Amino acid sequence: PEGTWITGRGWHQDKWTEKPEMTNGFPMHDLLSEAVPNHPVW
């Protein structure tokens, strides 16, 4: 349901075979926010 928190764990940018645009060596929220705009994601 929209508005429900979605939580997850385990991503590691140094293990990705494809690297996105990063800041300080980490991904930015834009791609995630665009794909999932109506659920708070952590």
Full PDB file with SEQRES, HELIX, SHEET, SSBOND, CRYST1, ORIGX, SCALE, CONECT and MASTER records, all heavy atoms in Angstrom:
SEQRES   1 A   42  PRO GLU GLY THR TRP ILE THR GLY ARG GLY TRP HIS GLN          
SEQRES   2 A   42  ASP LYS TRP THR GLU LYS PRO GLU MET THR ASN GLY PHE          
SEQRES   3 A   42  PRO MET HIS ASP LEU LEU SER GLU ALA VAL PRO ASN HIS          
SEQRES   4 A   42  PRO VAL TRP                                                  
HELIX    1 AA1 GLN A   13  LYS A   15  5                                   3    
HELIX    2 AA2 ASP A   30  ALA A   35  1                                   6    
SHEET    1 AA1 2 MET A  22  THR A  23  0                                        
SHEET    2 AA1 2 PHE A  26  PRO A  27 -1                                        
CRYST1    1.000    1.000    1.000  90.00  90.00  90.00 P 1           1          
ORIGX1      1.000000  0.000000  0.000000        0.00000                         
ORIGX2      0.000000  1.000000  0.000000        0.00000                         
ORIGX3      0.000000  0.000000  1.000000        0.00000                         
SCALE1      1.000000  0.000000  0.000000        0.00000                         
SCALE2      0.000000  1.000000  0.000000        0.00000                         
SCALE3      0.000000  0.000000  1.000000        0.00000                         
ATOM      1  N   PRO A   1       0.825  -1.218   0.000  1.00  0.00           N  
ATOM      2  CA  PRO A   1       0.000   0.000   0.000  1.00  0.00           C  
ATOM      3  C   PRO A   1       0.856   1.264   0.000  1.00  0.00           C  
ATOM      4  O   PRO A   1       1.881   1.323   0.684  1.00  0.00           O  
ATOM      5  CB  PRO A   1      -0.817  -0.118   1.291  1.00  0.00           C  
ATOM      6  CG  PRO A   1      -0.853  -1.583   1.583  1.00  0.00           C  
ATOM      7  CD  PRO A   1       0.466  -2.123   1.112  1.00  0.00           C  
ATOM      8  N   GLU A   2       0.437   2.266  -0.766  1.00  0.00           N  
ATOM      9  CA  GLU A   2       1.177   3.529  -0.810  1.00  0.00           C  
ATOM     10  C   GLU A   2       1.280   4.129   0.589  1.00  0.00           C  
ATOM     11  O   GLU A   2       0.353   4.038   1.394  1.00  0.00           O  
ATOM     12  CB  GLU A   2       0.486   4.517  -1.748  1.00  0.00           C  
ATOM     13  CG  GLU A   2       0.608   4.144  -3.214  1.00  0.00           C  
ATOM     14  CD  GLU A   2       0.118   5.256  -4.141  1.00  0.00           C  
ATOM     15  OE1 GLU A   2      -0.303   6.315  -3.626  1.00  0.00           O  
ATOM     16  OE2 GLU A   2       0.149   5.057  -5.366  1.00  0.00           O  
ATOM     17  N   GLY A   3       2.433   4.751   0.838  1.00  0.00           N  
ATOM     18  CA  GLY A   3       2.675   5.363   2.143  1.00  0.00           C  
ATOM     19  C   GLY A   3       3.317   4.425   3.151  1.00  0.00           C  
ATOM     20  O   GLY A   3       3.814   4.871   4.187  1.00  0.00           O  
ATOM     21  N   THR A   4       3.315   3.118   2.836  1.00  0.00           N  
ATOM     22  CA  THR A   4       3.935   2.136   3.731  1.00  0.00           C  
ATOM     23  C   THR A   4       5.444   2.108   3.502  1.00  0.00           C  
ATOM     24  O   THR A   4       5.907   2.124   2.362  1.00  0.00           O  
ATOM     25  CB  THR A   4       3.363   0.731   3.475  1.00  0.00           C  
ATOM     26  OG1 THR A   4       1.946   0.771   3.636  1.00  0.00           O  
ATOM     27  CG2 THR A   4       3.958  -0.283   4.439  1.00  0.00           C  
ATOM     28  N   TRP A   5       6.203   2.047   4.595  1.00  0.00           N  
ATOM     29  CA  TRP A   5       7.655   1.993   4.482  1.00  0.00           C  
ATOM     30  C   TRP A   5       8.089   0.681   3.840  1.00  0.00           C  
ATOM     31  O   TRP A   5       7.569  -0.392   4.162  1.00  0.00           O  
ATOM     32  CB  TRP A   5       8.314   2.119   5.855  1.00  0.00           C  
ATOM     33  CG  TRP A   5       8.394   3.522   6.373  1.00  0.00           C  
ATOM     34  CD1 TRP A   5       7.427   4.204   7.056  1.00  0.00           C  
ATOM     35  CD2 TRP A   5       9.511   4.410   6.241  1.00  0.00           C  
ATOM     36  NE1 TRP A   5       7.858   5.474   7.353  1.00  0.00           N  
ATOM     37  CE2 TRP A   5       9.133   5.630   6.873  1.00  0.00           C  
ATOM     38  CE3 TRP A   5      10.771   4.319   5.660  1.00  0.00           C  
ATOM     39  CZ2 TRP A   5       9.985   6.727   6.937  1.00  0.00           C  
ATOM     40  CZ3 TRP A   5      11.619   5.409   5.728  1.00  0.00           C  
ATOM     41  CH2 TRP A   5      11.232   6.597   6.349  1.00  0.00           C  
ATOM     42  N   ILE A   6       9.058   0.783   2.954  1.00  0.00           N  
ATOM     43  CA  ILE A   6       9.720  -0.384   2.371  1.00  0.00           C  
ATOM     44  C   ILE A   6      11.171  -0.354   2.820  1.00  0.00           C  
ATOM     45  O   ILE A   6      11.875   0.635   2.605  1.00  0.00           O  
ATOM     46  CB  ILE A   6       9.642  -0.377   0.835  1.00  0.00           C  
ATOM     47  CG1 ILE A   6       8.182  -0.512   0.385  1.00  0.00           C  
ATOM     48  CG2 ILE A   6      10.483  -1.508   0.243  1.00  0.00           C  
ATOM     49  CD1 ILE A   6       8.003  -0.368  -1.110  1.00  0.00           C  
ATOM     50  N   THR A   7      11.586  -1.423   3.475  1.00  0.00           N  
ATOM     51  CA  THR A   7      12.959  -1.484   3.980  1.00  0.00           C  
ATOM     52  C   THR A   7      13.686  -2.674   3.377  1.00  0.00           C  
ATOM     53  O   THR A   7      13.086  -3.682   3.008  1.00  0.00           O  
ATOM     54  CB  THR A   7      12.982  -1.597   5.517  1.00  0.00           C  
ATOM     55  OG1 THR A   7      12.228  -2.747   5.921  1.00  0.00           O  
ATOM     56  CG2 THR A   7      12.367  -0.360   6.163  1.00  0.00           C  
ATOM     57  N   GLY A   8      14.987  -2.522   3.255  1.00  0.00           N  
ATOM     58  CA  GLY A   8      15.808  -3.594   2.712  1.00  0.00           C  
ATOM     59  C   GLY A   8      17.242  -3.430   3.171  1.00  0.00           C  
ATOM     60  O   GLY A   8      17.595  -2.461   3.847  1.00  0.00           O  
ATOM     61  N   ARG A   9      18.059  -4.399   2.808  1.00  0.00           N  
ATOM     62  CA  ARG A   9      19.462  -4.351   3.219  1.00  0.00           C  
ATOM     63  C   ARG A   9      20.293  -5.222   2.286  1.00  0.00           C  
ATOM     64  O   ARG A   9      19.803  -6.176   1.687  1.00  0.00           O  
ATOM     65  CB  ARG A   9      19.624  -4.857   4.650  1.00  0.00           C  
ATOM     66  CG  ARG A   9      21.070  -4.843   5.135  1.00  0.00           C  
ATOM     67  CD  ARG A   9      21.177  -5.107   6.609  1.00  0.00           C  
ATOM     68  NE  ARG A   9      22.573  -5.093   7.034  1.00  0.00           N  
ATOM     69  CZ  ARG A   9      22.985  -4.964   8.283  1.00  0.00           C  
ATOM     70  NH1 ARG A   9      22.087  -4.852   9.257  1.00  0.00           N  
ATOM     71  NH2 ARG A   9      24.258  -4.963   8.584  1.00  0.00           N  
ATOM     72  N   GLY A  10      21.580  -4.843   2.163  1.00  0.00           N  
ATOM     73  CA  GLY A  10      22.522  -5.727   1.496  1.00  0.00           C  
ATOM     74  C   GLY A  10      23.219  -5.166   0.274  1.00  0.00           C  
ATOM     75  O   GLY A  10      24.144  -5.793  -0.238  1.00  0.00           O  
ATOM     76  N   TRP A  11      22.806  -3.978  -0.221  1.00  0.00           N  
ATOM     77  CA  TRP A  11      23.463  -3.439  -1.418  1.00  0.00           C  
ATOM     78  C   TRP A  11      24.889  -2.993  -1.086  1.00  0.00           C  
ATOM     79  O   TRP A  11      25.184  -2.580   0.030  1.00  0.00           O  
ATOM     80  CB  TRP A  11      22.663  -2.273  -2.001  1.00  0.00           C  
ATOM     81  CG  TRP A  11      22.529  -1.071  -1.101  1.00  0.00           C  
ATOM     82  CD1 TRP A  11      21.569  -0.847  -0.151  1.00  0.00           C  
ATOM     83  CD2 TRP A  11      23.394   0.080  -1.071  1.00  0.00           C  
ATOM     84  NE1 TRP A  11      21.771   0.366   0.467  1.00  0.00           N  
ATOM     85  CE2 TRP A  11      22.880   0.957  -0.079  1.00  0.00           C  
ATOM     86  CE3 TRP A  11      24.530   0.467  -1.776  1.00  0.00           C  
ATOM     87  CZ2 TRP A  11      23.471   2.184   0.230  1.00  0.00           C  
ATOM     88  CZ3 TRP A  11      25.132   1.686  -1.479  1.00  0.00           C  
ATOM     89  CH2 TRP A  11      24.592   2.523  -0.484  1.00  0.00           C  
ATOM     90  N   HIS A  12      25.762  -3.101  -2.066  1.00  0.00           N  
ATOM     91  CA  HIS A  12      27.161  -2.686  -1.883  1.00  0.00           C  
ATOM     92  C   HIS A  12      27.686  -2.204  -3.225  1.00  0.00           C  
ATOM     93  O   HIS A  12      27.894  -2.999  -4.144  1.00  0.00           O  
ATOM     94  CB  HIS A  12      28.002  -3.841  -1.365  1.00  0.00           C  
ATOM     95  CG  HIS A  12      29.302  -3.418  -0.749  1.00  0.00           C  
ATOM     96  ND1 HIS A  12      30.217  -2.620  -1.402  1.00  0.00           N  
ATOM     97  CD2 HIS A  12      29.836  -3.658   0.483  1.00  0.00           C  
ATOM     98  CE1 HIS A  12      31.251  -2.403  -0.622  1.00  0.00           C  
ATOM     99  NE2 HIS A  12      31.046  -3.016   0.527  1.00  0.00           N  
ATOM    100  N   GLN A  13      27.884  -0.904  -3.337  1.00  0.00           N  
ATOM    101  CA  GLN A  13      28.233  -0.304  -4.624  1.00  0.00           C  
ATOM    102  C   GLN A  13      29.549  -0.822  -5.193  1.00  0.00           C  
ATOM    103  O   GLN A  13      29.733  -0.857  -6.418  1.00  0.00           O  
ATOM    104  CB  GLN A  13      28.266   1.230  -4.502  1.00  0.00           C  
ATOM    105  CG  GLN A  13      29.477   1.809  -3.790  1.00  0.00           C  
ATOM    106  CD  GLN A  13      29.397   1.691  -2.278  1.00  0.00           C  
ATOM    107  OE1 GLN A  13      28.507   1.062  -1.736  1.00  0.00           O  
ATOM    108  NE2 GLN A  13      30.345   2.317  -1.591  1.00  0.00           N  
ATOM    109  N   ASP A  14      30.471  -1.245  -4.324  1.00  0.00           N  
ATOM    110  CA  ASP A  14      31.754  -1.735  -4.822  1.00  0.00           C  
ATOM    111  C   ASP A  14      31.649  -3.135  -5.410  1.00  0.00           C  
ATOM    112  O   ASP A  14      32.609  -3.631  -6.008  1.00  0.00           O  
ATOM    113  CB  ASP A  14      32.801  -1.707  -3.704  1.00  0.00           C  
ATOM    114  CG  ASP A  14      33.220  -0.281  -3.363  1.00  0.00           C  
ATOM    115  OD1 ASP A  14      33.595   0.451  -4.286  1.00  0.00           O  
ATOM    116  OD2 ASP A  14      33.155   0.104  -2.184  1.00  0.00           O  
ATOM    117  N   LYS A  15      30.507  -3.789  -5.231  1.00  0.00           N  
ATOM    118  CA  LYS A  15      30.305  -5.121  -5.801  1.00  0.00           C  
ATOM    119  C   LYS A  15      29.466  -5.072  -7.082  1.00  0.00           C  
ATOM    120  O   LYS A  15      29.238  -6.110  -7.703  1.00  0.00           O  
ATOM    121  CB  LYS A  15      29.630  -6.039  -4.779  1.00  0.00           C  
ATOM    122  CG  LYS A  15      30.461  -6.273  -3.523  1.00  0.00           C  
ATOM    123  CD  LYS A  15      29.722  -7.173  -2.546  1.00  0.00           C  
ATOM    124  CE  LYS A  15      30.519  -7.357  -1.266  1.00  0.00           C  
ATOM    125  NZ  LYS A  15      29.800  -8.220  -0.294  1.00  0.00           N  
ATOM    126  N   TRP A  16      28.996  -3.891  -7.442  1.00  0.00           N  
ATOM    127  CA  TRP A  16      28.188  -3.778  -8.652  1.00  0.00           C  
ATOM    128  C   TRP A  16      29.060  -3.885  -9.894  1.00  0.00           C  
ATOM    129  O   TRP A  16      30.139  -3.288  -9.965  1.00  0.00           O  
ATOM    130  CB  TRP A  16      27.430  -2.453  -8.666  1.00  0.00           C  
ATOM    131  CG  TRP A  16      26.338  -2.359  -7.625  1.00  0.00           C  
ATOM    132  CD1 TRP A  16      25.733  -3.388  -6.982  1.00  0.00           C  
ATOM    133  CD2 TRP A  16      25.752  -1.159  -7.120  1.00  0.00           C  
ATOM    134  NE1 TRP A  16      24.788  -2.906  -6.101  1.00  0.00           N  
ATOM    135  CE2 TRP A  16      24.775  -1.541  -6.172  1.00  0.00           C  
ATOM    136  CE3 TRP A  16      25.935   0.193  -7.385  1.00  0.00           C  
ATOM    137  CZ2 TRP A  16      23.991  -0.609  -5.476  1.00  0.00           C  
ATOM    138  CZ3 TRP A  16      25.167   1.129  -6.701  1.00  0.00           C  
ATOM    139  CH2 TRP A  16      24.203   0.721  -5.757  1.00  0.00           C  
ATOM    140  N   THR A  17      28.570  -4.598 -10.870  1.00  0.00           N  
ATOM    141  CA  THR A  17      29.303  -4.711 -12.136  1.00  0.00           C  
ATOM    142  C   THR A  17      29.027  -3.517 -13.038  1.00  0.00           C  
ATOM    143  O   THR A  17      29.808  -3.222 -13.939  1.00  0.00           O  
ATOM    144  CB  THR A  17      28.921  -6.008 -12.867  1.00  0.00           C  
ATOM    145  OG1 THR A  17      27.493  -6.056 -13.038  1.00  0.00           O  
ATOM    146  CG2 THR A  17      29.359  -7.219 -12.059  1.00  0.00           C  
ATOM    147  N   GLU A  18      27.896  -2.848 -12.800  1.00  0.00           N  
ATOM    148  CA  GLU A  18      27.573  -1.619 -13.520  1.00  0.00           C  
ATOM    149  C   GLU A  18      27.458  -0.497 -12.506  1.00  0.00           C  
ATOM    150  O   GLU A  18      26.678  -0.584 -11.564  1.00  0.00           O  
ATOM    151  CB  GLU A  18      26.245  -1.772 -14.281  1.00  0.00           C  
ATOM    152  CG  GLU A  18      26.253  -2.881 -15.318  1.00  0.00           C  
ATOM    153  CD  GLU A  18      24.888  -3.055 -15.953  1.00  0.00           C  
ATOM    154  OE1 GLU A  18      24.074  -2.094 -15.896  1.00  0.00           O  
ATOM    155  OE2 GLU A  18      24.614  -4.140 -16.482  1.00  0.00           O  
ATOM    156  N   LYS A  19      28.218   0.565 -12.695  1.00  0.00           N  
ATOM    157  CA  LYS A  19      28.255   1.656 -11.737  1.00  0.00           C  
ATOM    158  C   LYS A  19      27.453   2.860 -12.248  1.00  0.00           C  
ATOM    159  O   LYS A  19      27.646   3.300 -13.378  1.00  0.00           O  
ATOM    160  CB  LYS A  19      29.704   2.093 -11.475  1.00  0.00           C  
ATOM    161  CG  LYS A  19      30.602   0.982 -10.930  1.00  0.00           C  
ATOM    162  CD  LYS A  19      30.213   0.555  -9.542  1.00  0.00           C  
ATOM    163  CE  LYS A  19      31.073  -0.585  -9.035  1.00  0.00           C  
ATOM    164  NZ  LYS A  19      32.448  -0.194  -8.718  1.00  0.00           N  
ATOM    165  N   PRO A  20      26.550   3.394 -11.408  1.00  0.00           N  
ATOM    166  CA  PRO A  20      25.795   4.585 -11.806  1.00  0.00           C  
ATOM    167  C   PRO A  20      26.609   5.843 -11.519  1.00  0.00           C  
ATOM    168  O   PRO A  20      27.740   5.771 -11.019  1.00  0.00           O  
ATOM    169  CB  PRO A  20      24.578   4.520 -10.884  1.00  0.00           C  
ATOM    170  CG  PRO A  20      25.142   3.935  -9.617  1.00  0.00           C  
ATOM    171  CD  PRO A  20      26.183   2.932 -10.061  1.00  0.00           C  
ATOM    172  N   GLU A  21      26.042   6.983 -11.816  1.00  0.00           N  
ATOM    173  CA  GLU A  21      26.656   8.245 -11.400  1.00  0.00           C  
ATOM    174  C   GLU A  21      26.670   8.290  -9.873  1.00  0.00           C  
ATOM    175  O   GLU A  21      25.675   7.975  -9.217  1.00  0.00           O  
ATOM    176  CB  GLU A  21      25.857   9.433 -11.954  1.00  0.00           C  
ATOM    177  CG  GLU A  21      26.441  10.784 -11.587  1.00  0.00           C  
ATOM    178  CD  GLU A  21      25.591  11.935 -12.091  1.00  0.00           C  
ATOM    179  OE1 GLU A  21      24.616  11.678 -12.820  1.00  0.00           O  
ATOM    180  OE2 GLU A  21      25.899  13.093 -11.729  1.00  0.00           O  
ATOM    181  N   MET A  22      27.800   8.662  -9.322  1.00  0.00           N  
ATOM    182  CA  MET A  22      27.942   8.631  -7.875  1.00  0.00           C  
ATOM    183  C   MET A  22      28.443   9.958  -7.333  1.00  0.00           C  
ATOM    184  O   MET A  22      29.065  10.754  -8.035  1.00  0.00           O  
ATOM    185  CB  MET A  22      28.905   7.515  -7.444  1.00  0.00           C  
ATOM    186  CG  MET A  22      28.430   6.106  -7.783  1.00  0.00           C  
ATOM    187  SD  MET A  22      29.228   4.889  -6.732  1.00  0.00           S  
ATOM    188  CE  MET A  22      28.835   3.371  -7.599  1.00  0.00           C  
ATOM    189  N   THR A  23      28.193  10.165  -6.040  1.00  0.00           N  
ATOM    190  CA  THR A  23      28.750  11.290  -5.295  1.00  0.00           C  
ATOM    191  C   THR A  23      29.438  10.725  -4.055  1.00  0.00           C  
ATOM    192  O   THR A  23      28.831   9.942  -3.319  1.00  0.00           O  
ATOM    193  CB  THR A  23      27.650  12.271  -4.862  1.00  0.00           C  
ATOM    194  OG1 THR A  23      27.023  12.807  -6.035  1.00  0.00           O  
ATOM    195  CG2 THR A  23      28.230  13.406  -4.030  1.00  0.00           C  
ATOM    196  N   ASN A  24      30.690  11.074  -3.858  1.00  0.00           N  
ATOM    197  CA  ASN A  24      31.482  10.539  -2.747  1.00  0.00           C  
ATOM    198  C   ASN A  24      31.523   9.013  -2.764  1.00  0.00           C  
ATOM    199  O   ASN A  24      31.580   8.364  -1.711  1.00  0.00           O  
ATOM    200  CB  ASN A  24      30.934  11.025  -1.402  1.00  0.00           C  
ATOM    201  CG  ASN A  24      31.063  12.517  -1.222  1.00  0.00           C  
ATOM    202  OD1 ASN A  24      32.018  13.124  -1.711  1.00  0.00           O  
ATOM    203  ND2 ASN A  24      30.113  13.126  -0.533  1.00  0.00           N  
ATOM    204  N   GLY A  25      31.470   8.432  -3.968  1.00  0.00           N  
ATOM    205  CA  GLY A  25      31.562   6.979  -4.084  1.00  0.00           C  
ATOM    206  C   GLY A  25      30.269   6.239  -3.833  1.00  0.00           C  
ATOM    207  O   GLY A  25      30.273   5.002  -3.772  1.00  0.00           O  
ATOM    208  N   PHE A  26      29.159   6.941  -3.702  1.00  0.00           N  
ATOM    209  CA  PHE A  26      27.871   6.309  -3.415  1.00  0.00           C  
ATOM    210  C   PHE A  26      26.811   6.774  -4.407  1.00  0.00           C  
ATOM    211  O   PHE A  26      26.887   7.879  -4.945  1.00  0.00           O  
ATOM    212  CB  PHE A  26      27.413   6.640  -1.991  1.00  0.00           C  
ATOM    213  CG  PHE A  26      28.135   5.869  -0.922  1.00  0.00           C  
ATOM    214  CD1 PHE A  26      29.362   6.312  -0.434  1.00  0.00           C  
ATOM    215  CD2 PHE A  26      27.600   4.708  -0.400  1.00  0.00           C  
ATOM    216  CE1 PHE A  26      30.036   5.601   0.550  1.00  0.00           C  
ATOM    217  CE2 PHE A  26      28.254   3.991   0.576  1.00  0.00           C  
ATOM    218  CZ  PHE A  26      29.478   4.433   1.059  1.00  0.00           C  
ATOM    219  N   PRO A  27      25.782   5.937  -4.628  1.00  0.00           N  
ATOM    220  CA  PRO A  27      24.709   6.337  -5.541  1.00  0.00           C  
ATOM    221  C   PRO A  27      23.859   7.447  -4.944  1.00  0.00           C  
ATOM    222  O   PRO A  27      23.863   7.660  -3.723  1.00  0.00           O  
ATOM    223  CB  PRO A  27      23.899   5.053  -5.707  1.00  0.00           C  
ATOM    224  CG  PRO A  27      24.107   4.321  -4.427  1.00  0.00           C  
ATOM    225  CD  PRO A  27      25.543   4.602  -4.051  1.00  0.00           C  
ATOM    226  N   MET A  28      23.122   8.129  -5.785  1.00  0.00           N  
ATOM    227  CA  MET A  28      22.194   9.167  -5.341  1.00  0.00           C  
ATOM    228  C   MET A  28      20.764   8.629  -5.421  1.00  0.00           C  
ATOM    229  O   MET A  28      20.479   7.666  -6.122  1.00  0.00           O  
ATOM    230  CB  MET A  28      22.372  10.417  -6.188  1.00  0.00           C  
ATOM    231  CG  MET A  28      23.755  11.057  -6.006  1.00  0.00           C  
ATOM    232  SD  MET A  28      24.010  12.538  -7.009  1.00  0.00           S  
ATOM    233  CE  MET A  28      24.214  11.804  -8.628  1.00  0.00           C  
ATOM    234  N   HIS A  29      19.865   9.291  -4.713  1.00  0.00           N  
ATOM    235  CA  HIS A  29      18.509   8.761  -4.569  1.00  0.00           C  
ATOM    236  C   HIS A  29      17.634   8.932  -5.802  1.00  0.00           C  
ATOM    237  O   HIS A  29      16.559   8.318  -5.895  1.00  0.00           O  
ATOM    238  CB  HIS A  29      17.821   9.436  -3.384  1.00  0.00           C  
ATOM    239  CG  HIS A  29      17.417  10.867  -3.647  1.00  0.00           C  
ATOM    240  ND1 HIS A  29      16.225  11.204  -4.253  1.00  0.00           N  
ATOM    241  CD2 HIS A  29      18.056  12.045  -3.389  1.00  0.00           C  
ATOM    242  CE1 HIS A  29      16.133  12.518  -4.348  1.00  0.00           C  
ATOM    243  NE2 HIS A  29      17.239  13.056  -3.837  1.00  0.00           N  
ATOM    244  N   ASP A  30      18.026   9.736  -6.770  1.00  0.00           N  
ATOM    245  CA  ASP A  30      17.125  10.137  -7.860  1.00  0.00           C  
ATOM    246  C   ASP A  30      16.468   8.973  -8.592  1.00  0.00           C  
ATOM    247  O   ASP A  30      15.250   8.967  -8.814  1.00  0.00           O  
ATOM    248  CB  ASP A  30      17.896  11.020  -8.859  1.00  0.00           C  
ATOM    249  CG  ASP A  30      18.535  12.232  -8.188  1.00  0.00           C  
ATOM    250  OD1 ASP A  30      19.560  12.037  -7.494  1.00  0.00           O  
ATOM    251  OD2 ASP A  30      18.008  13.347  -8.348  1.00  0.00           O  
ATOM    252  N   LEU A  31      17.261   7.991  -9.012  1.00  0.00           N  
ATOM    253  CA  LEU A  31      16.721   6.852  -9.747  1.00  0.00           C  
ATOM    254  C   LEU A  31      15.704   6.088  -8.893  1.00  0.00           C  
ATOM    255  O   LEU A  31      14.632   5.705  -9.373  1.00  0.00           O  
ATOM    256  CB  LEU A  31      17.864   5.920 -10.173  1.00  0.00           C  
ATOM    257  CG  LEU A  31      17.480   4.750 -11.083  1.00  0.00           C  
ATOM    258  CD1 LEU A  31      16.980   5.250 -12.433  1.00  0.00           C  
ATOM    259  CD2 LEU A  31      18.697   3.824 -11.283  1.00  0.00           C  
ATOM    260  N   LEU A  32      16.023   5.899  -7.630  1.00  0.00           N  
ATOM    261  CA  LEU A  32      15.119   5.204  -6.718  1.00  0.00           C  
ATOM    262  C   LEU A  32      13.851   6.011  -6.484  1.00  0.00           C  
ATOM    263  O   LEU A  32      12.734   5.465  -6.503  1.00  0.00           O  
ATOM    264  CB  LEU A  32      15.839   4.939  -5.390  1.00  0.00           C  
ATOM    265  CG  LEU A  32      15.041   4.269  -4.276  1.00  0.00           C  
ATOM    266  CD1 LEU A  32      14.609   2.872  -4.688  1.00  0.00           C  
ATOM    267  CD2 LEU A  32      15.881   4.208  -3.001  1.00  0.00           C  
ATOM    268  N   SER A  33      14.002   7.314  -6.291  1.00  0.00           N  
ATOM    269  CA  SER A  33      12.844   8.177  -6.017  1.00  0.00           C  
ATOM    270  C   SER A  33      11.901   8.258  -7.212  1.00  0.00           C  
ATOM    271  O   SER A  33      10.680   8.312  -7.052  1.00  0.00           O  
ATOM    272  CB  SER A  33      13.321   9.577  -5.631  1.00  0.00           C  
ATOM    273  OG  SER A  33      14.088   9.543  -4.447  1.00  0.00           O  
ATOM    274  N   GLU A  34      12.469   8.243  -8.401  1.00  0.00           N  
ATOM    275  CA  GLU A  34      11.639   8.285  -9.599  1.00  0.00           C  
ATOM    276  C   GLU A  34      10.840   7.002  -9.765  1.00  0.00           C  
ATOM    277  O   GLU A  34       9.661   7.019 -10.149  1.00  0.00           O  
ATOM    278  CB  GLU A  34      12.527   8.520 -10.824  1.00  0.00           C  
ATOM    279  CG  GLU A  34      11.751   8.621 -12.133  1.00  0.00           C  
ATOM    280  CD  GLU A  34      12.653   8.875 -13.333  1.00  0.00           C  
ATOM    281  OE1 GLU A  34      13.845   9.191 -13.125  1.00  0.00           O  
ATOM    282  OE2 GLU A  34      12.176   8.738 -14.476  1.00  0.00           O  
ATOM    283  N   ALA A  35      11.463   5.861  -9.473  1.00  0.00           N  
ATOM    284  CA  ALA A  35      10.801   4.568  -9.650  1.00  0.00           C  
ATOM    285  C   ALA A  35       9.788   4.286  -8.545  1.00  0.00           C  
ATOM    286  O   ALA A  35       8.769   3.625  -8.781  1.00  0.00           O  
ATOM    287  CB  ALA A  35      11.841   3.457  -9.694  1.00  0.00           C  
ATOM    288  N   VAL A  36      10.076   4.782  -7.326  1.00  0.00           N  
ATOM    289  CA  VAL A  36       9.197   4.517  -6.174  1.00  0.00           C  
ATOM    290  C   VAL A  36       8.925   5.851  -5.468  1.00  0.00           C  
ATOM    291  O   VAL A  36       9.547   6.175  -4.457  1.00  0.00           O  
ATOM    292  CB  VAL A  36       9.847   3.510  -5.194  1.00  0.00           C  
ATOM    293  CG1 VAL A  36       8.842   3.084  -4.125  1.00  0.00           C  
ATOM    294  CG2 VAL A  36      10.373   2.293  -5.937  1.00  0.00           C  
ATOM    295  N   PRO A  37       8.000   6.645  -5.995  1.00  0.00           N  
ATOM    296  CA  PRO A  37       7.780   7.984  -5.453  1.00  0.00           C  
ATOM    297  C   PRO A  37       6.822   8.050  -4.265  1.00  0.00           C  
ATOM    298  O   PRO A  37       6.858   9.025  -3.506  1.00  0.00           O  
ATOM    299  CB  PRO A  37       7.197   8.750  -6.650  1.00  0.00           C  
ATOM    300  CG  PRO A  37       6.461   7.683  -7.422  1.00  0.00           C  
ATOM    301  CD  PRO A  37       7.256   6.427  -7.251  1.00  0.00           C  
ATOM    302  N   ASN A  38       5.975   7.047  -4.097  1.00  0.00           N  
ATOM    303  CA  ASN A  38       4.891   7.155  -3.123  1.00  0.00           C  
ATOM    304  C   ASN A  38       5.060   6.277  -1.888  1.00  0.00           C  
ATOM    305  O   ASN A  38       4.160   6.191  -1.055  1.00  0.00           O  
ATOM    306  CB  ASN A  38       3.557   6.820  -3.805  1.00  0.00           C  
ATOM    307  CG  ASN A  38       3.262   7.769  -4.954  1.00  0.00           C  
ATOM    308  OD1 ASN A  38       3.478   8.979  -4.845  1.00  0.00           O  
ATOM    309  ND2 ASN A  38       2.800   7.222  -6.080  1.00  0.00           N  
ATOM    310  N   HIS A  39       6.190   5.607  -1.782  1.00  0.00           N  
ATOM    311  CA  HIS A  39       6.511   4.815  -0.593  1.00  0.00           C  
ATOM    312  C   HIS A  39       7.820   5.347  -0.016  1.00  0.00           C  
ATOM    313  O   HIS A  39       8.795   5.509  -0.768  1.00  0.00           O  
ATOM    314  CB  HIS A  39       6.726   3.334  -0.928  1.00  0.00           C  
ATOM    315  CG  HIS A  39       5.541   2.645  -1.511  1.00  0.00           C  
ATOM    316  ND1 HIS A  39       5.134   2.839  -2.815  1.00  0.00           N  
ATOM    317  CD2 HIS A  39       4.683   1.742  -0.969  1.00  0.00           C  
ATOM    318  CE1 HIS A  39       4.080   2.080  -3.056  1.00  0.00           C  
ATOM    319  NE2 HIS A  39       3.778   1.411  -1.953  1.00  0.00           N  
ATOM    320  N   PRO A  40       7.886   5.601   1.283  1.00  0.00           N  
ATOM    321  CA  PRO A  40       9.192   5.905   1.879  1.00  0.00           C  
ATOM    322  C   PRO A  40      10.052   4.645   1.858  1.00  0.00           C  
ATOM    323  O   PRO A  40       9.599   3.566   2.264  1.00  0.00           O  
ATOM    324  CB  PRO A  40       8.859   6.342   3.307  1.00  0.00           C  
ATOM    325  CG  PRO A  40       7.491   5.793   3.571  1.00  0.00           C  
ATOM    326  CD  PRO A  40       6.790   5.670   2.263  1.00  0.00           C  
ATOM    327  N   VAL A  41      11.272   4.766   1.342  1.00  0.00           N  
ATOM    328  CA  VAL A  41      12.159   3.611   1.171  1.00  0.00           C  
ATOM    329  C   VAL A  41      13.441   3.839   1.957  1.00  0.00           C  
ATOM    330  O   VAL A  41      14.041   4.918   1.890  1.00  0.00           O  
ATOM    331  CB  VAL A  41      12.498   3.394  -0.321  1.00  0.00           C  
ATOM    332  CG1 VAL A  41      13.466   2.219  -0.483  1.00  0.00           C  
ATOM    333  CG2 VAL A  41      11.227   3.150  -1.129  1.00  0.00           C  
ATOM    334  N   TRP A  42      13.870   2.802   2.666  1.00  0.00           N  
ATOM    335  CA  TRP A  42      15.095   2.872   3.468  1.00  0.00           C  
ATOM    336  C   TRP A  42      15.885   1.587   3.235  1.00  0.00           C  
ATOM    337  O   TRP A  42      15.442   0.500   3.595  1.00  0.00           O  
ATOM    338  CB  TRP A  42      14.755   3.019   4.942  1.00  0.00           C  
ATOM    339  CG  TRP A  42      15.931   3.224   5.844  1.00  0.00           C  
ATOM    340  CD1 TRP A  42      16.388   2.371   6.799  1.00  0.00           C  
ATOM    341  CD2 TRP A  42      16.792   4.373   5.908  1.00  0.00           C  
ATOM    342  NE1 TRP A  42      17.482   2.905   7.450  1.00  0.00           N  
ATOM    343  CE2 TRP A  42      17.743   4.145   6.914  1.00  0.00           C  
ATOM    344  CE3 TRP A  42      16.845   5.575   5.199  1.00  0.00           C  
ATOM    345  CZ2 TRP A  42      18.737   5.059   7.238  1.00  0.00           C  
ATOM    346  CZ3 TRP A  42      17.847   6.495   5.520  1.00  0.00           C  
ATOM    347  CH2 TRP A  42      18.761   6.236   6.526  1.00  0.00           C  
TER     348      TRP A  42                                                      
MASTER        0    0    0    2    2    0    0    6  347    1    0    4          
END                                                                             
